[in-house]
Amino acid sequence: VVGALYKLGVEKQSSGFYFIGRCENRTLKDYIEELGVIYGKNVDIGVRPDDGLRYREDWFDNSRLINELGYIFKFTFEQGIRADMEK
């Protein structure tokens, strides 16, 4: 995320809105469970009732960041967490 934000800041041609995520569209629960696997901890998450919120995939489209600014993501979520663990 920091690399993408830096790229947006230094590029004179950037304007408008950019989604800075990797477009690994998963639920928060999936990310938390993956953290449990990475850290070797049991994660027990309950389920809450559907709140009716709906998200469209196009809201999470990072193609402008890639196509207009040439930004390339270096790490997946798991790779970033593991690299952080090694510090």
PDB file of N, CA and C in Angstrom:
ATOM      1  N   VAL A   1       0.830  -1.187   0.000  1.00  0.00           N
ATOM      2  CA  VAL A   1       0.000   0.000   0.000  1.00  0.00           C
ATOM      3  C   VAL A   1       0.873   1.248   0.000  1.00  0.00           C
ATOM      4  N   VAL A   2       1.928   1.240   0.791  1.00  0.00           N
ATOM      5  CA  VAL A   2       2.800   2.400   0.863  1.00  0.00           C
ATOM      6  C   VAL A   2       3.429   2.688  -0.503  1.00  0.00           C
ATOM      7  N   GLY A   3       3.859   1.627  -1.206  1.00  0.00           N
ATOM      8  CA  GLY A   3       4.443   1.807  -2.529  1.00  0.00           C
ATOM      9  C   GLY A   3       3.453   2.412  -3.508  1.00  0.00           C
ATOM     10  N   ALA A   4       2.205   1.958  -3.463  1.00  0.00           N
ATOM     11  CA  ALA A   4       1.172   2.493  -4.355  1.00  0.00           C
ATOM     12  C   ALA A   4       0.883   3.951  -4.030  1.00  0.00           C
ATOM     13  N   LEU A   5       0.803   4.288  -2.752  1.00  0.00           N
ATOM     14  CA  LEU A   5       0.562   5.677  -2.364  1.00  0.00           C
ATOM     15  C   LEU A   5       1.718   6.584  -2.786  1.00  0.00           C
ATOM     16  N   TYR A   6       2.927   6.097  -2.642  1.00  0.00           N
ATOM     17  CA  TYR A   6       4.098   6.872  -3.075  1.00  0.00           C
ATOM     18  C   TYR A   6       4.025   7.125  -4.579  1.00  0.00           C
ATOM     19  N   LYS A   7       3.732   6.087  -5.344  1.00  0.00           N
ATOM     20  CA  LYS A   7       3.633   6.204  -6.804  1.00  0.00           C
ATOM     21  C   LYS A   7       2.583   7.235  -7.186  1.00  0.00           C
ATOM     22  N   LEU A   8       1.452   7.229  -6.522  1.00  0.00           N
ATOM     23  CA  LEU A   8       0.411   8.215  -6.789  1.00  0.00           C
ATOM     24  C   LEU A   8       0.886   9.632  -6.476  1.00  0.00           C
ATOM     25  N   GLY A   9       1.679   9.765  -5.434  1.00  0.00           N
ATOM     26  CA  GLY A   9       2.161  11.086  -5.032  1.00  0.00           C
ATOM     27  C   GLY A   9       3.180  11.680  -5.984  1.00  0.00           C
ATOM     28  N   VAL A  10       4.024  10.855  -6.563  1.00  0.00           N
ATOM     29  CA  VAL A  10       5.096  11.384  -7.424  1.00  0.00           C
ATOM     30  C   VAL A  10       4.695  11.495  -8.896  1.00  0.00           C
ATOM     31  N   GLU A  11       3.648  10.802  -9.306  1.00  0.00           N
ATOM     32  CA  GLU A  11       3.221  10.841 -10.705  1.00  0.00           C
ATOM     33  C   GLU A  11       2.384  12.085 -10.973  1.00  0.00           C
ATOM     34  N   LYS A  12       2.840  12.914 -11.857  1.00  0.00           N
ATOM     35  CA  LYS A  12       2.117  14.144 -12.187  1.00  0.00           C
ATOM     36  C   LYS A  12       0.818  13.867 -12.939  1.00  0.00           C
ATOM     37  N   GLN A  13       0.733  12.740 -13.646  1.00  0.00           N
ATOM     38  CA  GLN A  13      -0.459  12.436 -14.428  1.00  0.00           C
ATOM     39  C   GLN A  13      -1.581  11.819 -13.609  1.00  0.00           C
ATOM     40  N   SER A  14      -1.337  11.499 -12.348  1.00  0.00           N
ATOM     41  CA  SER A  14      -2.390  10.864 -11.552  1.00  0.00           C
ATOM     42  C   SER A  14      -3.446  11.888 -11.153  1.00  0.00           C
ATOM     43  N   SER A  15      -4.694  11.505 -11.306  1.00  0.00           N
ATOM     44  CA  SER A  15      -5.800  12.355 -10.875  1.00  0.00           C
ATOM     45  C   SER A  15      -7.040  11.484 -10.714  1.00  0.00           C
ATOM     46  N   GLY A  16      -7.907  11.902  -9.873  1.00  0.00           N
ATOM     47  CA  GLY A  16      -9.134  11.149  -9.644  1.00  0.00           C
ATOM     48  C   GLY A  16      -8.955  10.121  -8.547  1.00  0.00           C
ATOM     49  N   PHE A  17      -9.695   9.040  -8.654  1.00  0.00           N
ATOM     50  CA  PHE A  17      -9.708   8.010  -7.626  1.00  0.00           C
ATOM     51  C   PHE A  17      -9.002   6.756  -8.106  1.00  0.00           C
ATOM     52  N   TYR A  18      -8.218   6.173  -7.232  1.00  0.00           N
ATOM     53  CA  TYR A  18      -7.515   4.933  -7.518  1.00  0.00           C
ATOM     54  C   TYR A  18      -7.755   3.967  -6.377  1.00  0.00           C
ATOM     55  N   PHE A  19      -8.043   2.729  -6.705  1.00  0.00           N
ATOM     56  CA  PHE A  19      -8.111   1.689  -5.683  1.00  0.00           C
ATOM     57  C   PHE A  19      -6.694   1.155  -5.513  1.00  0.00           C
ATOM     58  N   ILE A  20      -6.180   1.175  -4.292  1.00  0.00           N
ATOM     59  CA  ILE A  20      -4.778   0.821  -4.092  1.00  0.00           C
ATOM     60  C   ILE A  20      -4.559  -0.604  -3.606  1.00  0.00           C
ATOM     61  N   GLY A  21      -5.610  -1.376  -3.479  1.00  0.00           N
ATOM     62  CA  GLY A  21      -5.454  -2.763  -3.055  1.00  0.00           C
ATOM     63  C   GLY A  21      -5.059  -3.673  -4.203  1.00  0.00           C
ATOM     64  N   ARG A  22      -4.720  -4.898  -3.864  1.00  0.00           N
ATOM     65  CA  ARG A  22      -4.282  -5.896  -4.834  1.00  0.00           C
ATOM     66  C   ARG A  22      -5.426  -6.583  -5.555  1.00  0.00           C
ATOM     67  N   CYS A  23      -6.634  -6.271  -5.194  1.00  0.00           N
ATOM     68  CA  CYS A  23      -7.833  -6.879  -5.798  1.00  0.00           C
ATOM     69  C   CYS A  23      -7.951  -8.350  -5.453  1.00  0.00           C
ATOM     70  N   GLU A  24      -7.513  -8.721  -4.293  1.00  0.00           N
ATOM     71  CA  GLU A  24      -7.761 -10.063  -3.773  1.00  0.00           C
ATOM     72  C   GLU A  24      -9.068  -9.964  -2.991  1.00  0.00           C
ATOM     73  N   ASN A  25     -10.162  -9.919  -3.696  1.00  0.00           N
ATOM     74  CA  ASN A  25     -11.451  -9.669  -3.066  1.00  0.00           C
ATOM     75  C   ASN A  25     -11.882 -10.850  -2.208  1.00  0.00           C
ATOM     76  N   ARG A  26     -11.645 -10.691  -0.913  1.00  0.00           N
ATOM     77  CA  ARG A  26     -12.041 -11.713   0.059  1.00  0.00           C
ATOM     78  C   ARG A  26     -12.691 -11.017   1.240  1.00  0.00           C
ATOM     79  N   THR A  27     -13.365 -11.792   2.047  1.00  0.00           N
ATOM     80  CA  THR A  27     -13.995 -11.220   3.236  1.00  0.00           C
ATOM     81  C   THR A  27     -12.939 -10.972   4.315  1.00  0.00           C
ATOM     82  N   LEU A  28     -13.266 -10.085   5.234  1.00  0.00           N
ATOM     83  CA  LEU A  28     -12.376  -9.820   6.361  1.00  0.00           C
ATOM     84  C   LEU A  28     -12.109 -11.109   7.133  1.00  0.00           C
ATOM     85  N   LYS A  29     -13.144 -11.936   7.272  1.00  0.00           N
ATOM     86  CA  LYS A  29     -12.988 -13.213   7.966  1.00  0.00           C
ATOM     87  C   LYS A  29     -11.908 -14.059   7.299  1.00  0.00           C
ATOM     88  N   ASP A  30     -11.879 -14.090   5.966  1.00  0.00           N
ATOM     89  CA  ASP A  30     -10.853 -14.856   5.245  1.00  0.00           C
ATOM     90  C   ASP A  30      -9.446 -14.346   5.572  1.00  0.00           C
ATOM     91  N   TYR A  31      -9.295 -13.031   5.597  1.00  0.00           N
ATOM     92  CA  TYR A  31      -7.984 -12.457   5.926  1.00  0.00           C
ATOM     93  C   TYR A  31      -7.564 -12.806   7.359  1.00  0.00           C
ATOM     94  N   ILE A  32      -8.508 -12.710   8.292  1.00  0.00           N
ATOM     95  CA  ILE A  32      -8.202 -13.010   9.696  1.00  0.00           C
ATOM     96  C   ILE A  32      -7.850 -14.492   9.853  1.00  0.00           C
ATOM     97  N   GLU A  33      -8.592 -15.363   9.184  1.00  0.00           N
ATOM     98  CA  GLU A  33      -8.276 -16.784   9.252  1.00  0.00           C
ATOM     99  C   GLU A  33      -6.904 -17.077   8.639  1.00  0.00           C
ATOM    100  N   GLU A  34      -6.551 -16.377   7.563  1.00  0.00           N
ATOM    101  CA  GLU A  34      -5.233 -16.559   6.967  1.00  0.00           C
ATOM    102  C   GLU A  34      -4.137 -16.102   7.929  1.00  0.00           C
ATOM    103  N   LEU A  35      -4.380 -15.015   8.642  1.00  0.00           N
ATOM    104  CA  LEU A  35      -3.417 -14.570   9.652  1.00  0.00           C
ATOM    105  C   LEU A  35      -3.222 -15.649  10.709  1.00  0.00           C
ATOM    106  N   GLY A  36      -4.307 -16.304  11.120  1.00  0.00           N
ATOM    107  CA  GLY A  36      -4.206 -17.389  12.098  1.00  0.00           C
ATOM    108  C   GLY A  36      -3.320 -18.511  11.593  1.00  0.00           C
ATOM    109  N   VAL A  37      -3.487 -18.875  10.320  1.00  0.00           N
ATOM    110  CA  VAL A  37      -2.649 -19.928   9.729  1.00  0.00           C
ATOM    111  C   VAL A  37      -1.190 -19.487   9.706  1.00  0.00           C
ATOM    112  N   ILE A  38      -0.940 -18.265   9.253  1.00  0.00           N
ATOM    113  CA  ILE A  38       0.433 -17.757   9.145  1.00  0.00           C
ATOM    114  C   ILE A  38       1.111 -17.736  10.512  1.00  0.00           C
ATOM    115  N   TYR A  39       0.382 -17.264  11.530  1.00  0.00           N
ATOM    116  CA  TYR A  39       0.958 -17.154  12.876  1.00  0.00           C
ATOM    117  C   TYR A  39       0.826 -18.447  13.678  1.00  0.00           C
ATOM    118  N   GLY A  40       0.200 -19.461  13.109  1.00  0.00           N
ATOM    119  CA  GLY A  40       0.052 -20.735  13.801  1.00  0.00           C
ATOM    120  C   GLY A  40      -0.861 -20.648  15.009  1.00  0.00           C
ATOM    121  N   LYS A  41      -1.883 -19.826  14.924  1.00  0.00           N
ATOM    122  CA  LYS A  41      -2.827 -19.641  16.030  1.00  0.00           C
ATOM    123  C   LYS A  41      -4.223 -20.047  15.588  1.00  0.00           C
ATOM    124  N   ASN A  42      -4.988 -20.596  16.506  1.00  0.00           N
ATOM    125  CA  ASN A  42      -6.374 -20.931  16.223  1.00  0.00           C
ATOM    126  C   ASN A  42      -7.214 -19.663  16.272  1.00  0.00           C
ATOM    127  N   VAL A  43      -7.983 -19.438  15.236  1.00  0.00           N
ATOM    128  CA  VAL A  43      -8.860 -18.275  15.171  1.00  0.00           C
ATOM    129  C   VAL A  43     -10.291 -18.779  15.109  1.00  0.00           C
ATOM    130  N   ASP A  44     -11.081 -18.374  16.068  1.00  0.00           N
ATOM    131  CA  ASP A  44     -12.481 -18.802  16.106  1.00  0.00           C
ATOM    132  C   ASP A  44     -13.348 -17.559  15.939  1.00  0.00           C
ATOM    133  N   ILE A  45     -13.905 -17.436  14.745  1.00  0.00           N
ATOM    134  CA  ILE A  45     -14.712 -16.259  14.428  1.00  0.00           C
ATOM    135  C   ILE A  45     -16.155 -16.701  14.260  1.00  0.00           C
ATOM    136  N   GLY A  46     -17.055 -15.982  14.888  1.00  0.00           N
ATOM    137  CA  GLY A  46     -18.468 -16.279  14.744  1.00  0.00           C
ATOM    138  C   GLY A  46     -19.030 -15.700  13.462  1.00  0.00           C
ATOM    139  N   VAL A  47     -20.294 -15.915  13.273  1.00  0.00           N
ATOM    140  CA  VAL A  47     -20.987 -15.402  12.100  1.00  0.00           C
ATOM    141  C   VAL A  47     -22.044 -14.424  12.575  1.00  0.00           C
ATOM    142  N   ARG A  48     -22.136 -13.295  11.903  1.00  0.00           N
ATOM    143  CA  ARG A  48     -23.167 -12.326  12.267  1.00  0.00           C
ATOM    144  C   ARG A  48     -24.217 -12.297  11.168  1.00  0.00           C
ATOM    145  N   PRO A  49     -25.378 -11.803  11.472  1.00  0.00           N
ATOM    146  CA  PRO A  49     -26.433 -11.740  10.453  1.00  0.00           C
ATOM    147  C   PRO A  49     -26.013 -10.818   9.307  1.00  0.00           C
ATOM    148  N   ASP A  50     -26.514 -11.102   8.126  1.00  0.00           N
ATOM    149  CA  ASP A  50     -26.246 -10.277   6.954  1.00  0.00           C
ATOM    150  C   ASP A  50     -26.788  -8.878   7.207  1.00  0.00           C
ATOM    151  N   ASP A  51     -25.945  -7.852   7.018  1.00  0.00           N
ATOM    152  CA  ASP A  51     -26.384  -6.477   7.262  1.00  0.00           C
ATOM    153  C   ASP A  51     -26.931  -5.812   6.003  1.00  0.00           C
ATOM    154  N   GLY A  52     -26.997  -6.556   4.918  1.00  0.00           N
ATOM    155  CA  GLY A  52     -27.590  -6.021   3.710  1.00  0.00           C
ATOM    156  C   GLY A  52     -26.638  -5.219   2.834  1.00  0.00           C
ATOM    157  N   LEU A  53     -25.426  -4.993   3.303  1.00  0.00           N
ATOM    158  CA  LEU A  53     -24.476  -4.244   2.487  1.00  0.00           C
ATOM    159  C   LEU A  53     -24.032  -5.090   1.307  1.00  0.00           C
ATOM    160  N   ARG A  54     -23.921  -4.477   0.177  1.00  0.00           N
ATOM    161  CA  ARG A  54     -23.467  -5.166  -1.029  1.00  0.00           C
ATOM    162  C   ARG A  54     -22.357  -4.347  -1.669  1.00  0.00           C
ATOM    163  N   TYR A  55     -21.370  -5.034  -2.157  1.00  0.00           N
ATOM    164  CA  TYR A  55     -20.237  -4.383  -2.793  1.00  0.00           C
ATOM    165  C   TYR A  55     -20.114  -4.888  -4.216  1.00  0.00           C
ATOM    166  N   ARG A  56     -19.772  -3.996  -5.092  1.00  0.00           N
ATOM    167  CA  ARG A  56     -19.577  -4.382  -6.484  1.00  0.00           C
ATOM    168  C   ARG A  56     -18.084  -4.585  -6.725  1.00  0.00           C
ATOM    169  N   GLU A  57     -17.754  -5.570  -7.553  1.00  0.00           N
ATOM    170  CA  GLU A  57     -16.340  -5.840  -7.840  1.00  0.00           C
ATOM    171  C   GLU A  57     -15.650  -4.654  -8.482  1.00  0.00           C
ATOM    172  N   ASP A  58     -16.375  -3.882  -9.273  1.00  0.00           N
ATOM    173  CA  ASP A  58     -15.732  -2.747  -9.939  1.00  0.00           C
ATOM    174  C   ASP A  58     -15.278  -1.675  -8.946  1.00  0.00           C
ATOM    175  N   TRP A  59     -15.789  -1.679  -7.729  1.00  0.00           N
ATOM    176  CA  TRP A  59     -15.316  -0.742  -6.710  1.00  0.00           C
ATOM    177  C   TRP A  59     -13.877  -1.074  -6.312  1.00  0.00           C
ATOM    178  N   PHE A  60     -13.473  -2.312  -6.543  1.00  0.00           N
ATOM    179  CA  PHE A  60     -12.155  -2.790  -6.139  1.00  0.00           C
ATOM    180  C   PHE A  60     -11.258  -3.050  -7.348  1.00  0.00           C
ATOM    181  N   ASP A  61     -11.425  -2.242  -8.368  1.00  0.00           N
ATOM    182  CA  ASP A  61     -10.670  -2.393  -9.610  1.00  0.00           C
ATOM    183  C   ASP A  61      -9.407  -1.529  -9.552  1.00  0.00           C
ATOM    184  N   ASN A  62      -8.249  -2.166  -9.619  1.00  0.00           N
ATOM    185  CA  ASN A  62      -6.995  -1.416  -9.548  1.00  0.00           C
ATOM    186  C   ASN A  62      -6.363  -1.216 -10.929  1.00  0.00           C
ATOM    187  N   SER A  63      -7.126  -1.422 -11.991  1.00  0.00           N
ATOM    188  CA  SER A  63      -6.552  -1.330 -13.332  1.00  0.00           C
ATOM    189  C   SER A  63      -6.023   0.063 -13.655  1.00  0.00           C
ATOM    190  N   ARG A  64      -6.616   1.118 -13.128  1.00  0.00           N
ATOM    191  CA  ARG A  64      -6.085   2.474 -13.379  1.00  0.00           C
ATOM    192  C   ARG A  64      -4.691   2.611 -12.784  1.00  0.00           C
ATOM    193  N   LEU A  65      -4.506   2.097 -11.609  1.00  0.00           N
ATOM    194  CA  LEU A  65      -3.201   2.161 -10.946  1.00  0.00           C
ATOM    195  C   LEU A  65      -2.152   1.418 -11.769  1.00  0.00           C
ATOM    196  N   ILE A  66      -2.525   0.273 -12.285  1.00  0.00           N
ATOM    197  CA  ILE A  66      -1.600  -0.545 -13.064  1.00  0.00           C
ATOM    198  C   ILE A  66      -1.394   0.034 -14.472  1.00  0.00           C
ATOM    199  N   ASN A  67      -2.490   0.327 -15.175  1.00  0.00           N
ATOM    200  CA  ASN A  67      -2.406   0.755 -16.566  1.00  0.00           C
ATOM    201  C   ASN A  67      -1.911   2.188 -16.734  1.00  0.00           C
ATOM    202  N   GLU A  68      -2.384   3.111 -15.917  1.00  0.00           N
ATOM    203  CA  GLU A  68      -2.017   4.509 -16.076  1.00  0.00           C
ATOM    204  C   GLU A  68      -0.674   4.845 -15.438  1.00  0.00           C
ATOM    205  N   LEU A  69      -0.388   4.226 -14.307  1.00  0.00           N
ATOM    206  CA  LEU A  69       0.827   4.586 -13.570  1.00  0.00           C
ATOM    207  C   LEU A  69       1.888   3.506 -13.593  1.00  0.00           C
ATOM    208  N   GLY A  70       1.544   2.351 -14.126  1.00  0.00           N
ATOM    209  CA  GLY A  70       2.519   1.269 -14.226  1.00  0.00           C
ATOM    210  C   GLY A  70       2.913   0.658 -12.898  1.00  0.00           C
ATOM    211  N   TYR A  71       2.040   0.782 -11.895  1.00  0.00           N
ATOM    212  CA  TYR A  71       2.380   0.225 -10.588  1.00  0.00           C
ATOM    213  C   TYR A  71       2.217  -1.293 -10.618  1.00  0.00           C
ATOM    214  N   ILE A  72       3.200  -1.985 -10.104  1.00  0.00           N
ATOM    215  CA  ILE A  72       3.161  -3.441 -10.007  1.00  0.00           C
ATOM    216  C   ILE A  72       3.239  -3.829  -8.529  1.00  0.00           C
ATOM    217  N   PHE A  73       2.294  -4.632  -8.079  1.00  0.00           N
ATOM    218  CA  PHE A  73       2.304  -5.083  -6.689  1.00  0.00           C
ATOM    219  C   PHE A  73       3.407  -6.111  -6.501  1.00  0.00           C
ATOM    220  N   LYS A  74       4.170  -5.963  -5.434  1.00  0.00           N
ATOM    221  CA  LYS A  74       5.317  -6.835  -5.181  1.00  0.00           C
ATOM    222  C   LYS A  74       4.971  -8.048  -4.333  1.00  0.00           C
ATOM    223  N   PHE A  75       3.958  -7.933  -3.495  1.00  0.00           N
ATOM    224  CA  PHE A  75       3.660  -8.980  -2.533  1.00  0.00           C
ATOM    225  C   PHE A  75       2.177  -9.312  -2.503  1.00  0.00           C
ATOM    226  N   THR A  76       1.872 -10.563  -2.239  1.00  0.00           N
ATOM    227  CA  THR A  76       0.508 -10.943  -1.901  1.00  0.00           C
ATOM    228  C   THR A  76       0.318 -10.596  -0.417  1.00  0.00           C
ATOM    229  N   PHE A  77      -0.894 -10.717   0.066  1.00  0.00           N
ATOM    230  CA  PHE A  77      -1.173 -10.474   1.480  1.00  0.00           C
ATOM    231  C   PHE A  77      -0.280 -11.363   2.346  1.00  0.00           C
ATOM    232  N   GLU A  78      -0.257 -12.657   2.030  1.00  0.00           N
ATOM    233  CA  GLU A  78       0.539 -13.597   2.820  1.00  0.00           C
ATOM    234  C   GLU A  78       2.025 -13.260   2.772  1.00  0.00           C
ATOM    235  N   GLN A  79       2.540 -12.942   1.591  1.00  0.00           N
ATOM    236  CA  GLN A  79       3.972 -12.609   1.478  1.00  0.00           C
ATOM    237  C   GLN A  79       4.316 -11.381   2.309  1.00  0.00           C
ATOM    238  N   GLY A  80       3.455 -10.376   2.281  1.00  0.00           N
ATOM    239  CA  GLY A  80       3.689  -9.164   3.073  1.00  0.00           C
ATOM    240  C   GLY A  80       3.709  -9.437   4.561  1.00  0.00           C
ATOM    241  N   ILE A  81       2.778 -10.229   5.045  1.00  0.00           N
ATOM    242  CA  ILE A  81       2.721 -10.576   6.467  1.00  0.00           C
ATOM    243  C   ILE A  81       3.962 -11.373   6.854  1.00  0.00           C
ATOM    244  N   ARG A  82       4.338 -12.352   6.041  1.00  0.00           N
ATOM    245  CA  ARG A  82       5.512 -13.175   6.353  1.00  0.00           C
ATOM    246  C   ARG A  82       6.784 -12.335   6.349  1.00  0.00           C
ATOM    247  N   ALA A  83       6.909 -11.410   5.407  1.00  0.00           N
ATOM    248  CA  ALA A  83       8.084 -10.522   5.359  1.00  0.00           C
ATOM    249  C   ALA A  83       8.123  -9.663   6.628  1.00  0.00           C
ATOM    250  N   ASP A  84       6.961  -9.191   7.066  1.00  0.00           N
ATOM    251  CA  ASP A  84       6.895  -8.402   8.305  1.00  0.00           C
ATOM    252  C   ASP A  84       7.306  -9.226   9.515  1.00  0.00           C
ATOM    253  N   MET A  85       6.923 -10.499   9.537  1.00  0.00           N
ATOM    254  CA  MET A  85       7.260 -11.380  10.661  1.00  0.00           C
ATOM    255  C   MET A  85       8.754 -11.579  10.783  1.00  0.00           C
ATOM    256  N   GLU A  86       9.458 -11.540   9.649  1.00  0.00           N
ATOM    257  CA  GLU A  86      10.894 -11.799   9.647  1.00  0.00           C
ATOM    258  C   GLU A  86      11.717 -10.617  10.121  1.00  0.00           C
ATOM    259  N   LYS A  87      11.087  -9.460  10.233  1.00  0.00           N
ATOM    260  CA  LYS A  87      11.829  -8.253  10.661  1.00  0.00           C
ATOM    261  C   LYS A  87      12.114  -8.273  12.136  1.00  0.00           C
TER     262      LYS A  87
END
